[in-house]
Amino acid sequence: MKISETEILIVPGYKNAGPDHWQSRWERKLSTARRVEQEAWSKPERADWTARLAEEVNRAERPVVLVAHSLGIPTAVQALPEIRNRIAGAFFVAPPEVDNPSVRPRHMMTFGPYPRDPLPFPTIVIASRNDPFGRFEHARDIAGAWGADFYDIGEAGHINDEAGFGPWPEGTLMFGRFVSGLR
């Protein structure tokens, strides 16, 4: 599949993705990409966030590729029962551990636990070994439950601009290869 044949939905996490975040850069660079805007970025409500994402997927006119970071991942997975349109694939980066009471901010727990059923579309999960919002082992476990391809990118923090992942050329290459393999 070509990127031009898809609708790429950028699904940021808690507090949105700033202008230097790799998601924002991809949104500006990819002509078919658009951000799923949330009403309250600093006070995420699971029902509101999942409904908003489902609305965006359901209005898509081409196959959708989700590009979710952090809290955008449980938003995407929890929205699946509300989604009617085709999701061609999902590119999930830095899944937070939404069922761990020691992870902050605590309201992330309202997005958990993750469903463990296999996802009905090809998925990549990319995780860091020192992500402050979720253990590496948890990310690998949930990727396995979903039937997702799993990528360990070493000690990369939360894989955001604060951790040095603004441009993220390796991620861009991984995403391009991923989309080209979709049907």
N, C-alpha and C. Protein backbone atom coordinates (compact mmCIF):
# COMPACT_ATOMS: atom_id res chain seq x y z
N MET A 1 0.85 -1.17 0.00
CA MET A 1 0.00 0.00 0.00
C MET A 1 0.90 1.23 0.00
N LYS A 2 0.45 2.26 -0.68
CA LYS A 2 1.17 3.52 -0.70
C LYS A 2 0.58 4.46 0.34
N ILE A 3 1.41 5.30 0.91
CA ILE A 3 0.93 6.27 1.90
C ILE A 3 -0.19 7.11 1.31
N SER A 4 -0.10 7.45 0.04
CA SER A 4 -1.13 8.29 -0.60
C SER A 4 -2.48 7.58 -0.70
N GLU A 5 -2.50 6.27 -0.51
CA GLU A 5 -3.75 5.49 -0.56
C GLU A 5 -4.41 5.36 0.80
N THR A 6 -3.81 5.96 1.81
CA THR A 6 -4.31 5.80 3.18
C THR A 6 -4.72 7.14 3.78
N GLU A 7 -5.42 7.06 4.87
CA GLU A 7 -5.61 8.22 5.75
C GLU A 7 -4.83 7.90 7.00
N ILE A 8 -3.83 8.70 7.26
CA ILE A 8 -2.97 8.48 8.42
C ILE A 8 -3.52 9.33 9.56
N LEU A 9 -3.94 8.67 10.62
CA LEU A 9 -4.45 9.39 11.78
C LEU A 9 -3.37 9.41 12.85
N ILE A 10 -2.92 10.61 13.17
CA ILE A 10 -1.94 10.83 14.22
C ILE A 10 -2.71 10.89 15.54
N VAL A 11 -2.37 10.00 16.46
CA VAL A 11 -3.09 9.89 17.73
C VAL A 11 -2.10 10.18 18.87
N PRO A 12 -1.96 11.45 19.24
CA PRO A 12 -1.03 11.79 20.33
C PRO A 12 -1.54 11.30 21.69
N GLY A 13 -0.64 11.38 22.63
CA GLY A 13 -0.98 11.01 23.99
C GLY A 13 -1.26 12.22 24.87
N TYR A 14 -1.13 12.00 26.14
CA TYR A 14 -1.37 13.00 27.18
C TYR A 14 -0.65 14.31 26.86
N LYS A 15 -1.34 15.39 26.90
CA LYS A 15 -0.84 16.75 26.64
C LYS A 15 -0.49 17.04 25.19
N ASN A 16 -0.88 16.12 24.27
CA ASN A 16 -0.70 16.34 22.84
C ASN A 16 0.78 16.21 22.47
N ALA A 17 1.09 16.38 21.20
CA ALA A 17 2.47 16.35 20.70
C ALA A 17 2.84 17.75 20.26
N GLY A 18 3.89 18.27 20.84
CA GLY A 18 4.34 19.62 20.50
C GLY A 18 4.90 19.70 19.09
N PRO A 19 5.26 20.90 18.63
CA PRO A 19 5.70 21.10 17.25
C PRO A 19 6.98 20.36 16.88
N ASP A 20 7.82 20.02 17.86
CA ASP A 20 9.07 19.32 17.57
C ASP A 20 8.96 17.80 17.71
N HIS A 21 7.83 17.32 18.20
CA HIS A 21 7.60 15.88 18.37
C HIS A 21 7.57 15.21 17.01
N TRP A 22 8.05 14.00 16.91
CA TRP A 22 8.07 13.29 15.63
C TRP A 22 6.66 13.16 15.03
N GLN A 23 5.62 13.02 15.87
CA GLN A 23 4.26 12.93 15.31
C GLN A 23 3.87 14.23 14.59
N SER A 24 4.20 15.36 15.18
CA SER A 24 3.88 16.64 14.54
C SER A 24 4.66 16.82 13.25
N ARG A 25 5.90 16.40 13.26
CA ARG A 25 6.73 16.49 12.05
C ARG A 25 6.14 15.61 10.93
N TRP A 26 5.71 14.40 11.29
CA TRP A 26 5.12 13.51 10.30
C TRP A 26 3.81 14.10 9.77
N GLU A 27 3.03 14.67 10.65
CA GLU A 27 1.76 15.27 10.23
C GLU A 27 2.01 16.36 9.19
N ARG A 28 3.03 17.18 9.41
CA ARG A 28 3.35 18.25 8.46
C ARG A 28 3.90 17.70 7.14
N LYS A 29 4.62 16.58 7.21
CA LYS A 29 5.30 16.04 6.04
C LYS A 29 4.40 15.15 5.18
N LEU A 30 3.49 14.42 5.78
CA LEU A 30 2.67 13.44 5.06
C LEU A 30 1.34 14.06 4.64
N SER A 31 1.10 14.11 3.36
CA SER A 31 -0.08 14.82 2.83
C SER A 31 -1.41 14.21 3.27
N THR A 32 -1.44 12.93 3.58
CA THR A 32 -2.71 12.31 3.97
C THR A 32 -2.86 12.17 5.49
N ALA A 33 -1.97 12.80 6.23
CA ALA A 33 -2.01 12.70 7.69
C ALA A 33 -2.81 13.82 8.31
N ARG A 34 -3.54 13.47 9.37
CA ARG A 34 -4.21 14.49 10.18
C ARG A 34 -4.25 14.01 11.62
N ARG A 35 -4.23 14.98 12.50
CA ARG A 35 -4.21 14.71 13.94
C ARG A 35 -5.64 14.50 14.44
N VAL A 36 -5.79 13.57 15.35
CA VAL A 36 -7.05 13.40 16.06
C VAL A 36 -6.99 14.37 17.24
N GLU A 37 -7.76 15.44 17.12
CA GLU A 37 -7.77 16.48 18.17
C GLU A 37 -8.68 16.06 19.31
N GLN A 38 -8.22 16.28 20.52
CA GLN A 38 -9.01 15.97 21.70
C GLN A 38 -9.44 17.26 22.38
N GLU A 39 -10.57 17.20 23.04
CA GLU A 39 -11.12 18.37 23.73
C GLU A 39 -10.23 18.80 24.90
N ALA A 40 -9.79 17.83 25.68
CA ALA A 40 -9.01 18.15 26.89
C ALA A 40 -7.73 17.32 26.89
N TRP A 41 -6.66 17.89 26.37
CA TRP A 41 -5.38 17.18 26.30
C TRP A 41 -4.78 16.92 27.68
N SER A 42 -5.00 17.82 28.63
CA SER A 42 -4.40 17.68 29.95
C SER A 42 -5.26 16.92 30.95
N LYS A 43 -6.52 16.67 30.58
CA LYS A 43 -7.42 15.89 31.45
C LYS A 43 -8.13 14.85 30.60
N PRO A 44 -7.39 13.83 30.17
CA PRO A 44 -7.98 12.84 29.28
C PRO A 44 -9.09 12.04 29.94
N GLU A 45 -10.17 11.91 29.23
CA GLU A 45 -11.31 11.07 29.64
C GLU A 45 -11.43 9.96 28.61
N ARG A 46 -11.35 8.74 29.07
CA ARG A 46 -11.35 7.59 28.16
C ARG A 46 -12.54 7.62 27.20
N ALA A 47 -13.74 7.82 27.69
CA ALA A 47 -14.93 7.80 26.81
C ALA A 47 -14.85 8.90 25.76
N ASP A 48 -14.42 10.08 26.14
CA ASP A 48 -14.32 11.19 25.19
C ASP A 48 -13.23 10.92 24.14
N TRP A 49 -12.07 10.47 24.60
CA TRP A 49 -10.96 10.25 23.69
C TRP A 49 -11.27 9.13 22.70
N THR A 50 -11.84 8.02 23.19
CA THR A 50 -12.12 6.90 22.30
C THR A 50 -13.23 7.27 21.31
N ALA A 51 -14.26 7.99 21.77
CA ALA A 51 -15.34 8.42 20.87
C ALA A 51 -14.80 9.33 19.78
N ARG A 52 -13.91 10.22 20.14
CA ARG A 52 -13.34 11.15 19.16
C ARG A 52 -12.52 10.40 18.11
N LEU A 53 -11.71 9.46 18.55
CA LEU A 53 -10.93 8.67 17.60
C LEU A 53 -11.85 7.86 16.69
N ALA A 54 -12.85 7.20 17.27
CA ALA A 54 -13.78 6.40 16.46
C ALA A 54 -14.48 7.28 15.42
N GLU A 55 -14.84 8.48 15.81
CA GLU A 55 -15.47 9.42 14.88
C GLU A 55 -14.56 9.70 13.69
N GLU A 56 -13.28 9.94 13.95
CA GLU A 56 -12.33 10.23 12.88
C GLU A 56 -12.12 9.02 11.97
N VAL A 57 -11.98 7.84 12.55
CA VAL A 57 -11.81 6.64 11.73
C VAL A 57 -13.07 6.40 10.90
N ASN A 58 -14.23 6.55 11.50
CA ASN A 58 -15.48 6.27 10.80
C ASN A 58 -15.80 7.25 9.69
N ARG A 59 -15.22 8.43 9.71
CA ARG A 59 -15.45 9.38 8.62
C ARG A 59 -14.39 9.28 7.52
N ALA A 60 -13.41 8.42 7.71
CA ALA A 60 -12.35 8.24 6.71
C ALA A 60 -12.92 7.66 5.42
N GLU A 61 -12.34 8.10 4.31
CA GLU A 61 -12.78 7.62 3.00
C GLU A 61 -11.80 6.62 2.38
N ARG A 62 -10.67 6.43 3.02
CA ARG A 62 -9.66 5.46 2.58
C ARG A 62 -9.27 4.62 3.78
N PRO A 63 -8.54 3.52 3.54
CA PRO A 63 -8.08 2.72 4.68
C PRO A 63 -7.25 3.59 5.64
N VAL A 64 -7.43 3.36 6.90
CA VAL A 64 -6.78 4.16 7.94
C VAL A 64 -5.54 3.46 8.47
N VAL A 65 -4.49 4.24 8.67
CA VAL A 65 -3.31 3.79 9.40
C VAL A 65 -3.20 4.66 10.63
N LEU A 66 -3.23 4.02 11.79
CA LEU A 66 -3.11 4.74 13.06
C LEU A 66 -1.64 4.90 13.42
N VAL A 67 -1.26 6.10 13.84
CA VAL A 67 0.08 6.37 14.33
C VAL A 67 -0.09 6.92 15.73
N ALA A 68 -0.02 6.03 16.71
CA ALA A 68 -0.33 6.40 18.09
C ALA A 68 0.93 6.38 18.95
N HIS A 69 1.01 7.38 19.82
CA HIS A 69 2.10 7.48 20.79
C HIS A 69 1.50 7.52 22.18
N SER A 70 2.11 6.79 23.10
CA SER A 70 1.78 6.86 24.51
C SER A 70 0.29 6.62 24.76
N LEU A 71 -0.40 7.56 25.40
CA LEU A 71 -1.81 7.37 25.74
C LEU A 71 -2.70 7.25 24.50
N GLY A 72 -2.17 7.61 23.34
CA GLY A 72 -2.90 7.38 22.10
C GLY A 72 -3.10 5.90 21.80
N ILE A 73 -2.21 5.05 22.33
CA ILE A 73 -2.31 3.60 22.08
C ILE A 73 -3.51 3.00 22.80
N PRO A 74 -3.66 3.17 24.12
CA PRO A 74 -4.87 2.61 24.72
C PRO A 74 -6.14 3.29 24.20
N THR A 75 -6.03 4.55 23.79
CA THR A 75 -7.18 5.21 23.18
C THR A 75 -7.60 4.43 21.94
N ALA A 76 -6.64 4.10 21.09
CA ALA A 76 -6.94 3.38 19.86
C ALA A 76 -7.51 1.99 20.13
N VAL A 77 -6.88 1.26 21.02
CA VAL A 77 -7.31 -0.11 21.28
C VAL A 77 -8.69 -0.13 21.97
N GLN A 78 -8.91 0.80 22.88
CA GLN A 78 -10.21 0.84 23.58
C GLN A 78 -11.33 1.35 22.66
N ALA A 79 -10.99 2.06 21.58
CA ALA A 79 -12.00 2.58 20.64
C ALA A 79 -12.49 1.53 19.65
N LEU A 80 -11.81 0.42 19.53
CA LEU A 80 -12.14 -0.56 18.49
C LEU A 80 -13.61 -0.98 18.45
N PRO A 81 -14.28 -1.18 19.57
CA PRO A 81 -15.70 -1.57 19.47
C PRO A 81 -16.58 -0.51 18.80
N GLU A 82 -16.14 0.74 18.77
CA GLU A 82 -16.92 1.82 18.18
C GLU A 82 -16.56 2.08 16.71
N ILE A 83 -15.56 1.39 16.20
CA ILE A 83 -15.05 1.68 14.86
C ILE A 83 -15.71 0.76 13.84
N ARG A 84 -16.23 1.38 12.77
CA ARG A 84 -16.88 0.64 11.68
C ARG A 84 -16.01 0.58 10.43
N ASN A 85 -15.20 1.58 10.18
CA ASN A 85 -14.37 1.63 8.97
C ASN A 85 -13.13 0.77 9.11
N ARG A 86 -12.50 0.53 7.98
CA ARG A 86 -11.32 -0.33 7.93
C ARG A 86 -10.08 0.36 8.47
N ILE A 87 -9.42 -0.31 9.37
CA ILE A 87 -8.09 0.10 9.81
C ILE A 87 -7.12 -0.84 9.10
N ALA A 88 -6.24 -0.27 8.28
CA ALA A 88 -5.29 -1.08 7.53
C ALA A 88 -4.12 -1.52 8.40
N GLY A 89 -3.76 -0.69 9.40
CA GLY A 89 -2.64 -1.03 10.26
C GLY A 89 -2.45 0.00 11.35
N ALA A 90 -1.63 -0.37 12.33
CA ALA A 90 -1.36 0.54 13.45
C ALA A 90 0.13 0.52 13.77
N PHE A 91 0.66 1.72 13.99
CA PHE A 91 2.06 1.95 14.33
C PHE A 91 2.04 2.55 15.73
N PHE A 92 2.32 1.72 16.74
CA PHE A 92 2.19 2.10 18.14
C PHE A 92 3.58 2.31 18.75
N VAL A 93 3.79 3.49 19.34
CA VAL A 93 5.10 3.84 19.89
C VAL A 93 4.97 4.22 21.37
N ALA A 94 5.75 3.56 22.21
CA ALA A 94 5.84 3.85 23.65
C ALA A 94 4.53 3.61 24.39
N PRO A 95 4.05 2.36 24.41
CA PRO A 95 2.80 2.09 25.12
C PRO A 95 2.95 2.30 26.62
N PRO A 96 2.07 3.12 27.21
CA PRO A 96 2.13 3.31 28.65
C PRO A 96 1.52 2.11 29.37
N GLU A 97 1.94 1.92 30.58
CA GLU A 97 1.44 0.81 31.39
C GLU A 97 0.21 1.28 32.16
N VAL A 98 -0.93 1.27 31.50
CA VAL A 98 -2.14 1.89 32.04
C VAL A 98 -2.80 1.10 33.17
N ASP A 99 -2.28 -0.06 33.51
CA ASP A 99 -2.84 -0.80 34.64
C ASP A 99 -1.87 -0.88 35.82
N ASN A 100 -0.84 -0.04 35.83
CA ASN A 100 0.15 -0.02 36.89
C ASN A 100 -0.09 1.20 37.78
N PRO A 101 -0.52 1.02 39.02
CA PRO A 101 -0.83 2.16 39.89
C PRO A 101 0.36 3.05 40.23
N SER A 102 1.59 2.60 39.98
CA SER A 102 2.74 3.46 40.28
C SER A 102 3.10 4.38 39.12
N VAL A 103 2.51 4.18 37.94
CA VAL A 103 2.79 5.03 36.80
C VAL A 103 1.99 6.32 36.93
N ARG A 104 2.63 7.41 36.65
CA ARG A 104 2.00 8.73 36.73
C ARG A 104 1.89 9.34 35.35
N PRO A 105 0.93 10.19 35.10
CA PRO A 105 -0.16 10.59 35.97
C PRO A 105 -1.18 9.47 36.15
N ARG A 106 -1.80 9.45 37.32
CA ARG A 106 -2.69 8.36 37.70
C ARG A 106 -3.91 8.24 36.81
N HIS A 107 -4.39 9.34 36.23
CA HIS A 107 -5.60 9.22 35.41
C HIS A 107 -5.36 8.38 34.15
N MET A 108 -4.10 8.04 33.85
CA MET A 108 -3.85 7.12 32.74
C MET A 108 -4.47 5.75 33.02
N MET A 109 -4.61 5.41 34.28
CA MET A 109 -5.18 4.10 34.63
C MET A 109 -6.63 3.96 34.17
N THR A 110 -7.33 5.06 33.95
CA THR A 110 -8.72 4.94 33.49
C THR A 110 -8.78 4.40 32.07
N PHE A 111 -7.65 4.35 31.36
CA PHE A 111 -7.61 3.82 30.01
C PHE A 111 -7.28 2.33 29.99
N GLY A 112 -7.09 1.74 31.14
CA GLY A 112 -6.71 0.34 31.21
C GLY A 112 -7.81 -0.51 31.82
N PRO A 113 -7.56 -1.78 31.92
CA PRO A 113 -6.41 -2.47 31.34
C PRO A 113 -6.58 -2.63 29.83
N TYR A 114 -5.48 -2.96 29.18
CA TYR A 114 -5.53 -3.20 27.74
C TYR A 114 -6.31 -4.48 27.46
N PRO A 115 -7.15 -4.48 26.43
CA PRO A 115 -7.68 -5.76 25.96
C PRO A 115 -6.51 -6.61 25.45
N ARG A 116 -6.60 -7.90 25.63
CA ARG A 116 -5.49 -8.77 25.24
C ARG A 116 -5.82 -9.60 24.01
N ASP A 117 -6.95 -9.35 23.38
CA ASP A 117 -7.31 -10.08 22.16
C ASP A 117 -6.39 -9.65 21.02
N PRO A 118 -6.12 -10.57 20.09
CA PRO A 118 -5.32 -10.18 18.93
C PRO A 118 -6.01 -9.04 18.17
N LEU A 119 -5.22 -8.10 17.70
CA LEU A 119 -5.78 -6.99 16.94
C LEU A 119 -6.10 -7.45 15.52
N PRO A 120 -7.18 -6.91 14.94
CA PRO A 120 -7.63 -7.39 13.63
C PRO A 120 -6.92 -6.73 12.44
N PHE A 121 -5.75 -6.17 12.65
CA PHE A 121 -4.99 -5.52 11.59
C PHE A 121 -3.51 -5.59 11.95
N PRO A 122 -2.63 -5.51 10.95
CA PRO A 122 -1.19 -5.53 11.24
C PRO A 122 -0.80 -4.38 12.17
N THR A 123 0.06 -4.70 13.11
CA THR A 123 0.45 -3.72 14.12
C THR A 123 1.93 -3.86 14.43
N ILE A 124 2.56 -2.71 14.64
CA ILE A 124 3.93 -2.65 15.14
C ILE A 124 3.86 -1.97 16.50
N VAL A 125 4.57 -2.51 17.47
CA VAL A 125 4.75 -1.86 18.76
C VAL A 125 6.24 -1.60 18.94
N ILE A 126 6.57 -0.35 19.20
CA ILE A 126 7.97 0.06 19.40
C ILE A 126 8.11 0.51 20.85
N ALA A 127 9.10 -0.04 21.54
CA ALA A 127 9.26 0.27 22.96
C ALA A 127 10.70 0.55 23.32
N SER A 128 10.85 1.28 24.40
CA SER A 128 12.14 1.65 24.96
C SER A 128 12.37 0.86 26.25
N ARG A 129 13.62 0.60 26.55
CA ARG A 129 13.95 -0.13 27.78
C ARG A 129 13.92 0.73 29.03
N ASN A 130 13.82 2.06 28.88
CA ASN A 130 13.80 2.92 30.06
C ASN A 130 12.68 3.97 29.96
N ASP A 131 11.54 3.57 29.47
CA ASP A 131 10.39 4.46 29.36
C ASP A 131 9.82 4.71 30.75
N PRO A 132 9.72 5.96 31.19
CA PRO A 132 9.20 6.24 32.53
C PRO A 132 7.70 5.95 32.68
N PHE A 133 7.00 5.71 31.57
CA PHE A 133 5.56 5.48 31.65
C PHE A 133 5.17 4.02 31.46
N GLY A 134 6.14 3.15 31.34
CA GLY A 134 5.80 1.74 31.22
C GLY A 134 7.04 0.87 31.10
N ARG A 135 6.96 -0.28 31.75
CA ARG A 135 8.07 -1.23 31.71
C ARG A 135 8.19 -1.86 30.32
N PHE A 136 9.41 -2.10 29.91
CA PHE A 136 9.71 -2.74 28.63
C PHE A 136 9.03 -4.11 28.55
N GLU A 137 9.10 -4.88 29.61
CA GLU A 137 8.52 -6.23 29.63
C GLU A 137 7.01 -6.17 29.40
N HIS A 138 6.36 -5.15 29.97
CA HIS A 138 4.92 -5.00 29.77
C HIS A 138 4.63 -4.72 28.30
N ALA A 139 5.40 -3.84 27.68
CA ALA A 139 5.19 -3.51 26.27
C ALA A 139 5.37 -4.75 25.40
N ARG A 140 6.40 -5.53 25.68
CA ARG A 140 6.63 -6.76 24.90
C ARG A 140 5.50 -7.75 25.10
N ASP A 141 5.01 -7.87 26.33
CA ASP A 141 3.91 -8.79 26.62
C ASP A 141 2.63 -8.40 25.89
N ILE A 142 2.27 -7.12 25.94
CA ILE A 142 1.03 -6.69 25.31
C ILE A 142 1.14 -6.79 23.79
N ALA A 143 2.31 -6.52 23.24
CA ALA A 143 2.52 -6.68 21.79
C ALA A 143 2.30 -8.15 21.40
N GLY A 144 2.81 -9.06 22.21
CA GLY A 144 2.62 -10.49 21.95
C GLY A 144 1.16 -10.89 21.99
N ALA A 145 0.43 -10.38 22.98
CA ALA A 145 -1.00 -10.69 23.09
C ALA A 145 -1.76 -10.19 21.87
N TRP A 146 -1.36 -9.03 21.36
CA TRP A 146 -2.04 -8.44 20.20
C TRP A 146 -1.62 -9.07 18.88
N GLY A 147 -0.57 -9.88 18.87
CA GLY A 147 -0.05 -10.44 17.63
C GLY A 147 0.74 -9.41 16.82
N ALA A 148 1.26 -8.41 17.51
CA ALA A 148 1.99 -7.31 16.86
C ALA A 148 3.47 -7.65 16.70
N ASP A 149 4.08 -7.05 15.68
CA ASP A 149 5.53 -7.10 15.58
C ASP A 149 6.08 -6.16 16.65
N PHE A 150 7.15 -6.57 17.31
CA PHE A 150 7.70 -5.81 18.42
C PHE A 150 9.12 -5.38 18.12
N TYR A 151 9.40 -4.09 18.38
CA TYR A 151 10.73 -3.55 18.15
C TYR A 151 11.27 -2.91 19.42
N ASP A 152 12.45 -3.35 19.80
CA ASP A 152 13.19 -2.84 20.96
C ASP A 152 14.18 -1.81 20.42
N ILE A 153 13.99 -0.54 20.82
CA ILE A 153 14.94 0.48 20.34
C ILE A 153 15.91 0.93 21.45
N GLY A 154 16.10 0.04 22.41
CA GLY A 154 17.10 0.32 23.44
C GLY A 154 16.62 1.35 24.44
N GLU A 155 17.56 2.05 25.03
CA GLU A 155 17.24 3.06 26.04
C GLU A 155 16.92 4.37 25.34
N ALA A 156 15.64 4.60 25.12
CA ALA A 156 15.18 5.75 24.34
C ALA A 156 14.14 6.57 25.09
N GLY A 157 14.09 6.41 26.41
CA GLY A 157 13.12 7.18 27.19
C GLY A 157 11.71 6.95 26.68
N HIS A 158 10.95 8.02 26.58
CA HIS A 158 9.55 7.91 26.16
C HIS A 158 9.39 8.09 24.64
N ILE A 159 10.48 8.04 23.92
CA ILE A 159 10.48 8.13 22.45
C ILE A 159 9.71 9.38 22.00
N ASN A 160 10.07 10.50 22.58
CA ASN A 160 9.45 11.78 22.24
C ASN A 160 10.55 12.82 22.03
N ASP A 161 10.16 14.05 21.76
CA ASP A 161 11.17 15.07 21.49
C ASP A 161 12.05 15.34 22.71
N GLU A 162 11.49 15.24 23.92
CA GLU A 162 12.32 15.45 25.12
C GLU A 162 13.42 14.40 25.24
N ALA A 163 13.18 13.22 24.67
CA ALA A 163 14.18 12.14 24.71
C ALA A 163 15.06 12.14 23.47
N GLY A 164 14.94 13.19 22.64
CA GLY A 164 15.78 13.30 21.45
C GLY A 164 15.15 12.73 20.19
N PHE A 165 13.85 12.47 20.22
CA PHE A 165 13.17 11.89 19.07
C PHE A 165 12.23 12.91 18.44
N GLY A 166 12.83 13.99 17.95
CA GLY A 166 12.08 14.98 17.18
C GLY A 166 11.98 14.51 15.75
N PRO A 167 13.07 14.63 14.98
CA PRO A 167 13.03 14.17 13.59
C PRO A 167 12.83 12.65 13.46
N TRP A 168 13.48 11.86 14.24
CA TRP A 168 13.42 10.40 14.28
C TRP A 168 13.44 9.75 12.89
N PRO A 169 14.55 9.86 12.17
CA PRO A 169 14.63 9.29 10.83
C PRO A 169 14.46 7.77 10.80
N GLU A 170 14.95 7.06 11.82
CA GLU A 170 14.77 5.61 11.87
C GLU A 170 13.29 5.24 11.94
N GLY A 171 12.53 6.01 12.72
CA GLY A 171 11.09 5.78 12.81
C GLY A 171 10.40 6.02 11.49
N THR A 172 10.83 7.07 10.79
CA THR A 172 10.26 7.36 9.48
C THR A 172 10.48 6.20 8.53
N LEU A 173 11.68 5.64 8.54
CA LEU A 173 11.98 4.48 7.68
C LEU A 173 11.15 3.27 8.07
N MET A 174 11.03 3.02 9.37
CA MET A 174 10.22 1.89 9.84
C MET A 174 8.76 2.07 9.41
N PHE A 175 8.25 3.28 9.53
CA PHE A 175 6.87 3.54 9.15
C PHE A 175 6.66 3.34 7.66
N GLY A 176 7.57 3.83 6.85
CA GLY A 176 7.47 3.65 5.40
C GLY A 176 7.46 2.19 5.01
N ARG A 177 8.35 1.40 5.60
CA ARG A 177 8.38 -0.05 5.32
C ARG A 177 7.08 -0.71 5.78
N PHE A 178 6.60 -0.30 6.94
CA PHE A 178 5.36 -0.87 7.48
C PHE A 178 4.20 -0.63 6.52
N VAL A 179 3.99 0.62 6.12
CA VAL A 179 2.87 0.96 5.25
C VAL A 179 3.00 0.25 3.90
N SER A 180 4.21 0.16 3.37
CA SER A 180 4.38 -0.49 2.06
C SER A 180 4.03 -1.97 2.11
N GLY A 181 4.05 -2.58 3.29
CA GLY A 181 3.68 -3.98 3.43
C GLY A 181 2.21 -4.22 3.70
N LEU A 182 1.42 -3.16 3.85
CA LEU A 182 -0.01 -3.31 4.13
C LEU A 182 -0.77 -3.57 2.84
N ARG A 183 -1.94 -4.19 3.00
CA ARG A 183 -2.82 -4.46 1.84
C ARG A 183 -4.16 -3.82 2.03
